[in-house]
């Protein structure tokens, strides 16, 4: 995985709330939304390991449409999983304090 495979950015959504996104640099330029809960969709959300954070499919640069070719769901799941790994490695690990409130409590009394 290359550090430049994806770009993360922040943007206000239609409700004015600040959201965090991941953009795939290469075609088909999928966009993942970082969410604190999994969202119901045709494409399942992918959890970021050890955190209460999910990467949710949010369309592509062409809009919120899902391309219609064979095995597209499998391809999107693969990219979302890769985004989750990338976000963990390049955004969470370098700044763990910022994400502390989202981390699983690993104590045995949980």
Protein backbone atom coordinates (compact mmCIF):
# COMPACT_ATOMS: atom_id res chain seq x y z
CA UNK A 1 0.00 0.00 0.00
CA UNK A 2 1.36 3.38 -1.01
CA UNK A 3 0.83 6.47 1.16
CA UNK A 4 -0.43 8.34 -1.89
CA UNK A 5 -3.08 5.82 -3.00
CA UNK A 6 -5.73 7.83 -1.18
CA UNK A 7 -6.37 11.38 -0.06
CA UNK A 8 -8.25 12.27 3.11
CA UNK A 9 -10.16 15.52 3.38
CA UNK A 10 -12.80 17.27 5.47
CA UNK A 11 -15.92 18.90 4.15
CA UNK A 12 -19.26 20.10 5.47
CA UNK A 13 -22.18 17.92 4.42
CA UNK A 14 -25.62 19.19 3.34
CA UNK A 15 -26.54 19.64 7.03
CA UNK A 16 -23.48 21.76 7.73
CA UNK A 17 -21.76 19.02 9.77
CA UNK A 18 -18.05 18.47 9.26
CA UNK A 19 -17.36 15.05 7.73
CA UNK A 20 -14.12 13.19 6.99
CA UNK A 21 -13.67 11.48 3.63
CA UNK A 22 -11.16 9.30 1.81
CA UNK A 23 -10.77 9.64 -1.96
CA UNK A 24 -9.23 6.94 -4.15
CA UNK A 25 -6.68 8.66 -6.41
CA UNK A 26 -6.99 6.15 -9.26
CA UNK A 27 -10.02 5.38 -11.38
CA UNK A 28 -12.86 4.81 -10.49
CA UNK A 29 -12.17 7.40 -7.73
CA UNK A 30 -14.38 5.93 -5.00
CA UNK A 31 -15.12 8.05 -1.96
CA UNK A 32 -15.35 6.64 1.55
CA UNK A 33 -16.98 8.47 4.45
CA UNK A 34 -15.50 7.97 7.94
CA UNK A 35 -18.43 7.24 10.25
CA UNK A 36 -18.83 6.44 13.95
CA UNK A 37 -21.38 3.75 13.11
CA UNK A 38 -21.99 1.37 10.20
CA UNK A 39 -24.59 2.60 7.74
CA UNK A 40 -27.14 0.42 6.00
CA UNK A 41 -26.40 0.30 2.30
CA UNK A 42 -26.12 -2.07 -0.62
CA UNK A 43 -22.37 -1.96 0.04
CA UNK A 44 -21.54 -2.96 3.66
CA UNK A 45 -19.48 -0.56 5.77
CA UNK A 46 -15.95 -1.69 6.68
CA UNK A 47 -14.77 -1.25 10.26
CA UNK A 48 -11.35 0.22 11.01
CA UNK A 49 -9.55 -2.34 13.17
CA UNK A 50 -9.73 -1.72 16.95
CA UNK A 51 -11.80 1.44 16.54
CA UNK A 52 -15.46 2.35 16.56
CA UNK A 53 -15.01 3.86 13.11
CA UNK A 54 -16.26 2.63 9.75
CA UNK A 55 -15.52 3.44 6.13
CA UNK A 56 -18.85 3.84 4.34
CA UNK A 57 -19.21 3.86 0.56
CA UNK A 58 -20.11 7.41 -0.48
CA UNK A 59 -20.03 7.19 -4.27
CA UNK A 60 -17.30 8.39 -6.58
CA UNK A 61 -16.20 11.65 -8.14
CA UNK A 62 -18.96 11.10 -10.68
CA UNK A 63 -21.60 11.17 -7.94
CA UNK A 64 -23.38 8.78 -5.62
CA UNK A 65 -24.04 6.19 -8.32
CA UNK A 66 -22.74 2.65 -8.15
CA UNK A 67 -21.16 1.51 -11.44
CA UNK A 68 -23.01 -1.39 -13.01
CA UNK A 69 -20.49 -3.98 -14.09
CA UNK A 70 -19.82 -7.56 -13.05
CA UNK A 71 -18.42 -8.09 -9.51
CA UNK A 72 -18.73 -4.39 -8.64
CA UNK A 73 -19.80 -5.10 -5.05
CA UNK A 74 -16.69 -7.23 -4.50
CA UNK A 75 -14.47 -4.54 -6.04
CA UNK A 76 -15.95 -1.77 -3.88
CA UNK A 77 -15.63 -3.87 -0.70
CA UNK A 78 -11.97 -4.48 -1.56
CA UNK A 79 -11.32 -0.74 -2.01
CA UNK A 80 -13.22 0.16 1.21
CA UNK A 81 -11.17 -2.41 3.14
CA UNK A 82 -7.98 -0.97 1.66
CA UNK A 83 -9.17 2.53 2.63
CA UNK A 84 -9.73 1.36 6.21
CA UNK A 85 -6.20 -0.07 6.38
CA UNK A 86 -4.76 3.10 4.82
CA UNK A 87 -6.69 5.42 7.17
CA UNK A 88 -5.48 3.45 10.18
CA UNK A 89 -1.85 3.47 9.05
CA UNK A 90 -1.59 7.04 7.79
CA UNK A 91 -4.14 8.98 9.84
CA UNK A 92 -4.82 7.17 13.12
CA UNK A 93 -1.40 5.74 14.04
CA UNK A 94 0.47 9.06 13.57
CA UNK A 95 -2.13 10.87 15.69
CA UNK A 96 -3.53 8.30 18.15
CA UNK A 97 -4.49 10.90 20.77
CA UNK A 98 -6.99 12.44 18.36
CA UNK A 99 -8.71 9.05 17.91
CA UNK A 100 -8.47 7.82 21.52
CA UNK A 101 -12.20 8.26 22.17
CA UNK A 102 -13.00 5.88 19.29
CA UNK A 103 -10.63 3.09 20.38
CA UNK A 104 -11.97 -0.18 21.79
CA UNK A 105 -11.55 -0.62 25.50
CA UNK A 106 -9.33 -3.68 25.63
CA UNK A 107 -9.64 -4.23 29.38
CA UNK A 108 -10.73 -7.76 30.43
CA UNK A 109 -13.71 -6.36 32.40
CA UNK A 110 -15.42 -5.05 29.31
